[in-house]
Amino acid sequence: MTFLELKECEYGLTHAGTFHSDDVFGFAFLKMINPDIKIIRSYTVPEGFKGIVFDVGFGEFDHHQADNECRENGIPYASFGKLWKAFAPSLYSEEVVAGIDKNFIESLDNSDNTGRENAIAFAISTFNPLWDSDSNGDKEFDKAVEWASVLLDNVIKTELKRAEMQVELLDIYKRTFNKKIIILDRFMPFKKALWNTEAVFVIYPSKRGGFQVQGVPINAETVELKKPFPKEWCSMPPKGVTFCHNSRFLISVDNLDTAISLCEGLL
C-alpha cells in the first residue's frame, strides 16, 4: 500500500483479543496519517479485504512469520516498526525517521517480539480488560490508542525540534573560539550534535538560577563522558559549585565566569 492509498483507506484491520504496544501504536500512527480510518479487530482477514492489515494475516505489516525482517543491529521489526518504516519517510526527514525508530520504536518492537520488559509496553498492556472481564477489548483498545496517540505526537514533536536544534548547535560550535567549551544561551539537547566534535563541556543558564555544565559523551549511544567531573566534587564541591551529580556528568555553578574557569582547569 502506498502513502497516498493509505490516506484514502477506509479500514485498518488488526488482531482481536489482547492488544499490545505494536498494534496500538501502529493504529495510532495510521490515524495520524488518515484521521478517518476505522479499525476492525479480527483473528482472520476477510477474503477481498480492501483496507490495510497489520499484526495479523502474515502480510507486509505482520511480524509473526519465520522470515521476519530485522534491523541492521539484529532487533526484529514488529508491526509498529514496519508501518513506521513504510510510511514515515513520506512525512519526515531521514534523520527524524531514524531517530524515532532508534530512540522509541526499536525497544517497543523488541519487547513485542521477545517479551523483554519495556515500561511503555507494560503501560499499554494495562488498558486490556482484566482476566475476569467479559469485554472483547475493543473499547479498551480505543482508549489505549487515544493515550498512545498523545505520546507518539509528543515523541515526534520532540524529535523534530531536536533535529532543528542540531543545526543551530553546529552553527554555535563553528563560531566558538575555544571549541572544547561551548556556551549556550539556553539548554538544547546537544549530545548527538557535539559528541564527534572537539567539545568537552557545555555551559548553559539554569532555570534555578546560575549555570549548569554538562560533559559531552564519547559517542551518541553511551553515557561515558570525554571528561567526567572529579569524583571528589560529589561530596566536596569546589567554591562556586552548588551541586555535582553522583554520575559526574553535571554540575550547577553560581556564575558563568566560575563555570568557564572550572572547565578550563579540567582540560
Protein backbone atom coordinates (compact mmCIF):
# COMPACT_ATOMS: atom_id res chain seq x y z
CA MET A 1 0.00 0.00 0.00
CA THR A 2 1.31 3.44 -0.91
CA PHE A 3 1.19 6.52 1.29
CA LEU A 4 -1.49 8.12 -0.91
CA GLU A 5 -3.57 4.93 -0.83
CA LEU A 6 -3.31 4.90 2.97
CA LYS A 7 -4.61 8.47 3.17
CA GLU A 8 -7.76 7.29 1.35
CA CYS A 9 -8.04 3.95 3.14
CA GLU A 10 -11.34 3.39 4.96
CA TYR A 11 -10.40 0.49 7.24
CA GLY A 12 -7.45 -0.89 9.13
CA LEU A 13 -7.54 -4.47 10.41
CA THR A 14 -5.54 -5.92 13.27
CA HIS A 15 -5.94 -8.93 15.54
CA ALA A 16 -8.70 -9.22 18.12
CA GLY A 17 -8.24 -10.18 21.78
CA THR A 18 -5.36 -8.96 23.90
CA PHE A 19 -3.63 -5.97 22.35
CA HIS A 20 -0.02 -4.89 22.67
CA SER A 21 2.14 -1.87 22.03
CA ASP A 22 2.73 -2.61 18.34
CA ASP A 23 -0.91 -2.84 17.22
CA VAL A 24 -1.90 0.09 19.48
CA PHE A 25 0.90 2.42 18.39
CA GLY A 26 0.60 1.11 14.85
CA PHE A 27 -3.02 2.22 14.64
CA ALA A 28 -2.22 5.50 16.43
CA PHE A 29 0.32 6.20 13.68
CA LEU A 30 -2.14 5.26 10.93
CA LYS A 31 -4.67 7.68 12.42
CA MET A 32 -2.10 10.46 12.29
CA ILE A 33 -1.88 9.91 8.54
CA ASN A 34 -5.59 9.25 7.99
CA PRO A 35 -7.76 10.55 10.87
CA ASP A 36 -10.89 8.99 9.33
CA ILE A 37 -9.61 5.43 9.19
CA LYS A 38 -11.67 2.92 11.20
CA ILE A 39 -10.34 -0.15 12.98
CA ILE A 40 -11.55 -3.73 12.68
CA ARG A 41 -10.21 -6.23 15.19
CA SER A 42 -10.43 -9.81 13.97
CA TYR A 43 -8.49 -13.06 14.13
CA THR A 44 -8.93 -13.57 10.39
CA VAL A 45 -8.69 -11.34 7.33
CA PRO A 46 -11.89 -11.45 5.25
CA GLU A 47 -11.44 -12.52 1.65
CA GLY A 48 -11.13 -9.49 -0.59
CA PHE A 49 -10.50 -7.09 2.29
CA LYS A 50 -9.51 -3.70 0.81
CA GLY A 51 -8.02 -1.96 3.86
CA ILE A 52 -4.59 -2.08 5.47
CA VAL A 53 -3.84 -5.19 7.53
CA PHE A 54 -1.24 -5.17 10.30
CA ASP A 55 -0.08 -7.51 13.09
CA VAL A 56 -2.15 -10.35 11.68
CA GLY A 57 -2.51 -12.29 8.46
CA PHE A 58 1.22 -12.83 7.66
CA GLY A 59 1.24 -9.92 5.22
CA GLU A 60 3.53 -6.94 4.70
CA PHE A 61 2.84 -5.43 8.13
CA ASP A 62 2.74 -8.61 10.19
CA HIS A 63 5.82 -9.82 12.04
CA HIS A 64 4.91 -13.33 13.12
CA GLN A 65 6.36 -15.16 10.11
CA ALA A 66 9.66 -17.05 10.35
CA ASP A 67 11.44 -14.78 7.87
CA ASN A 68 10.51 -11.56 9.66
CA GLU A 69 12.82 -8.65 8.80
CA CYS A 70 15.39 -7.41 11.32
CA ARG A 71 17.21 -4.11 11.68
CA GLU A 72 20.94 -3.92 10.99
CA ASN A 73 21.59 -4.35 14.73
CA GLY A 74 19.59 -7.58 14.76
CA ILE A 75 16.47 -6.25 16.51
CA PRO A 76 13.41 -7.55 14.65
CA TYR A 77 10.62 -5.34 13.43
CA ALA A 78 7.14 -5.62 14.92
CA SER A 79 4.11 -4.15 13.20
CA PHE A 80 4.60 -0.63 14.51
CA GLY A 81 8.17 -0.56 13.23
CA LYS A 82 7.08 -1.93 9.85
CA LEU A 83 4.39 0.72 9.46
CA TRP A 84 6.79 3.46 10.54
CA LYS A 85 9.46 2.28 8.10
CA ALA A 86 6.99 2.21 5.23
CA PHE A 87 5.14 5.50 5.73
CA ALA A 88 7.15 7.84 7.99
CA PRO A 89 9.63 8.77 5.19
CA SER A 90 6.73 10.46 3.38
CA LEU A 91 6.25 12.74 6.40
CA TYR A 92 9.64 13.38 7.96
CA SER A 93 13.34 13.68 7.16
CA GLU A 94 15.60 10.63 7.14
CA GLU A 95 17.23 11.87 10.36
CA VAL A 96 13.89 12.19 12.19
CA VAL A 97 12.61 8.83 10.93
CA ALA A 98 15.78 7.06 12.05
CA GLY A 99 15.93 8.93 15.37
CA ILE A 100 12.39 7.99 16.40
CA ASP A 101 12.90 4.39 15.36
CA LYS A 102 16.13 4.17 17.36
CA ASN A 103 15.01 6.07 20.46
CA PHE A 104 11.39 4.91 20.72
CA ILE A 105 10.09 2.26 18.34
CA GLU A 106 13.01 -0.16 18.39
CA SER A 107 12.64 -1.07 22.06
CA LEU A 108 8.86 -1.46 21.71
CA ASP A 109 9.34 -3.78 18.73
CA ASN A 110 11.95 -5.76 20.63
CA SER A 111 9.60 -6.12 23.59
CA ASP A 112 6.77 -7.37 21.39
CA ASN A 113 8.99 -9.89 19.62
CA THR A 114 10.92 -11.19 22.60
CA GLY A 115 8.86 -10.44 25.71
CA ARG A 116 11.66 -8.23 27.00
CA GLU A 117 10.39 -5.80 29.65
CA ASN A 118 9.53 -2.30 28.49
CA ALA A 119 7.75 0.29 30.63
CA ILE A 120 5.66 1.76 27.80
CA ALA A 121 4.65 -1.68 26.54
CA PHE A 122 3.63 -2.57 30.09
CA ALA A 123 1.58 0.65 30.36
CA ILE A 124 -0.26 -0.24 27.14
CA SER A 125 -0.97 -3.74 28.45
CA THR A 126 -2.78 -2.30 31.49
CA PHE A 127 -5.52 -0.97 29.20
CA ASN A 128 -6.58 -4.54 28.40
CA PRO A 129 -9.67 -5.91 30.17
CA LEU A 130 -8.85 -7.75 33.38
CA TRP A 131 -8.85 -11.56 33.32
CA ASP A 132 -12.33 -11.90 34.85
CA SER A 133 -13.90 -9.41 32.41
CA ASP A 134 -16.24 -10.48 29.59
CA SER A 135 -15.26 -7.47 27.44
CA ASN A 136 -13.89 -8.22 23.97
CA GLY A 137 -11.37 -5.40 24.44
CA ASP A 138 -12.49 -3.17 21.57
CA LYS A 139 -13.42 -0.19 23.76
CA GLU A 140 -10.28 -0.62 25.79
CA PHE A 141 -8.24 -0.74 22.56
CA ASP A 142 -9.71 2.61 21.55
CA LYS A 143 -8.70 4.12 24.91
CA ALA A 144 -5.18 2.74 24.56
CA VAL A 145 -4.89 4.21 21.06
CA GLU A 146 -6.05 7.59 22.38
CA TRP A 147 -3.32 7.53 25.04
CA ALA A 148 -0.69 6.27 22.60
CA SER A 149 -1.60 8.98 20.09
CA VAL A 150 -0.76 11.71 22.60
CA LEU A 151 2.54 10.06 23.47
CA LEU A 152 3.50 9.46 19.83
CA ASP A 153 2.66 13.04 18.92
CA ASN A 154 4.92 14.26 21.74
CA VAL A 155 7.75 11.96 20.63
CA ILE A 156 7.53 13.24 17.06
CA LYS A 157 7.39 16.91 18.09
CA THR A 158 10.41 16.40 20.34
CA GLU A 159 12.46 14.71 17.63
CA LEU A 160 11.53 17.38 15.07
CA LYS A 161 12.68 20.09 17.47
CA ARG A 162 15.83 18.14 18.29
CA ALA A 163 16.72 17.90 14.59
CA GLU A 164 16.13 21.64 14.22
CA MET A 165 18.40 22.37 17.19
CA GLN A 166 21.21 20.18 15.82
CA VAL A 167 21.66 22.69 13.01
CA GLU A 168 21.72 25.59 15.48
CA LEU A 169 24.18 23.80 17.78
CA LEU A 170 26.63 23.09 15.00
CA ASP A 171 26.46 26.72 13.93
CA ILE A 172 27.26 27.82 17.50
CA TYR A 173 30.11 25.32 17.62
CA LYS A 174 31.62 26.63 14.39
CA ARG A 175 31.52 30.21 15.74
CA THR A 176 33.06 29.31 19.11
CA PHE A 177 36.77 30.10 19.55
CA ASN A 178 37.52 27.55 22.30
CA LYS A 179 35.67 24.61 20.82
CA LYS A 180 36.19 22.45 23.92
CA ILE A 181 33.86 24.67 25.97
CA ILE A 182 30.54 25.51 24.31
CA ILE A 183 28.39 28.23 25.88
CA LEU A 184 24.66 28.28 25.08
CA ASP A 185 22.04 30.91 25.87
CA ARG A 186 19.60 28.13 26.80
CA PHE A 187 19.65 24.36 27.20
CA MET A 188 19.49 22.37 23.98
CA PRO A 189 19.87 18.58 23.54
CA PHE A 190 23.49 18.57 22.43
CA LYS A 191 24.79 15.01 22.64
CA LYS A 192 24.02 13.89 19.10
CA ALA A 193 25.34 17.13 17.60
CA LEU A 194 28.55 17.53 19.60
CA TRP A 195 29.88 14.10 20.57
CA ASN A 196 32.04 13.83 17.43
CA THR A 197 33.46 17.35 17.76
CA GLU A 198 36.17 18.81 20.00
CA ALA A 199 33.53 19.85 22.56
CA VAL A 200 34.14 18.51 26.08
CA PHE A 201 31.83 20.70 28.20
CA VAL A 202 28.57 22.55 27.51
CA ILE A 203 27.52 25.50 29.70
CA TYR A 204 24.00 26.93 29.75
CA PRO A 205 21.77 29.01 32.11
CA SER A 206 19.94 27.01 34.76
CA LYS A 207 16.22 27.51 35.32
CA ARG A 208 17.02 27.52 39.04
CA GLY A 209 19.46 30.39 38.66
CA GLY A 210 23.16 30.37 37.90
CA PHE A 211 24.50 27.98 35.28
CA GLN A 212 24.78 24.27 34.66
CA VAL A 213 27.64 22.45 32.99
CA GLN A 214 27.37 19.04 31.36
CA GLY A 215 30.04 16.78 29.97
CA VAL A 216 29.89 15.65 26.34
CA PRO A 217 29.77 11.84 25.80
CA ILE A 218 32.29 9.94 23.70
CA ASN A 219 29.53 8.92 21.29
CA ALA A 220 25.78 9.27 20.84
CA GLU A 221 25.00 5.79 22.17
CA THR A 222 26.64 5.96 25.60
CA VAL A 223 26.73 7.97 28.81
CA GLU A 224 30.53 7.61 29.03
CA LEU A 225 31.99 11.11 29.03
CA LYS A 226 35.05 12.58 27.40
CA LYS A 227 35.82 14.19 30.76
CA PRO A 228 33.68 13.39 33.83
CA PHE A 229 33.80 15.82 36.72
CA PRO A 230 36.15 14.79 39.56
CA LYS A 231 34.73 12.19 41.92
CA GLU A 232 35.55 14.27 44.99
CA TRP A 233 33.28 17.06 43.74
CA CYS A 234 30.25 14.90 44.56
CA SER A 235 30.98 15.14 48.29
CA MET A 236 33.20 18.22 48.46
CA PRO A 237 32.40 20.56 45.55
CA PRO A 238 34.84 23.43 44.94
CA LYS A 239 33.95 27.06 45.60
CA GLY A 240 31.16 28.25 43.34
CA VAL A 241 29.78 24.75 42.66
CA THR A 242 26.41 24.26 44.35
CA PHE A 243 25.79 20.71 43.11
CA CYS A 244 27.66 17.86 41.45
CA HIS A 245 25.65 14.86 40.26
CA ASN A 246 26.77 11.47 41.58
CA SER A 247 27.17 10.28 37.98
CA ARG A 248 29.59 13.21 37.46
CA PHE A 249 28.02 14.36 34.21
CA LEU A 250 26.55 17.64 35.54
CA ILE A 251 27.37 20.45 37.93
CA SER A 252 25.49 23.58 38.98
CA VAL A 253 27.57 26.75 39.30
CA ASP A 254 26.93 30.23 40.69
CA ASN A 255 28.02 32.22 37.64
CA LEU A 256 29.35 31.95 34.11
CA ASP A 257 32.91 33.03 34.88
CA THR A 258 33.24 30.30 37.50
CA ALA A 259 31.79 27.72 35.12
CA ILE A 260 34.30 28.64 32.40
CA SER A 261 37.22 28.70 34.84
CA LEU A 262 36.38 25.27 36.26
CA CYS A 263 36.06 23.75 32.79
CA GLU A 264 39.37 25.25 31.69
CA GLY A 265 41.02 23.80 34.79
CA LEU A 266 39.85 20.29 33.88
CA LEU A 267 41.07 20.36 30.28
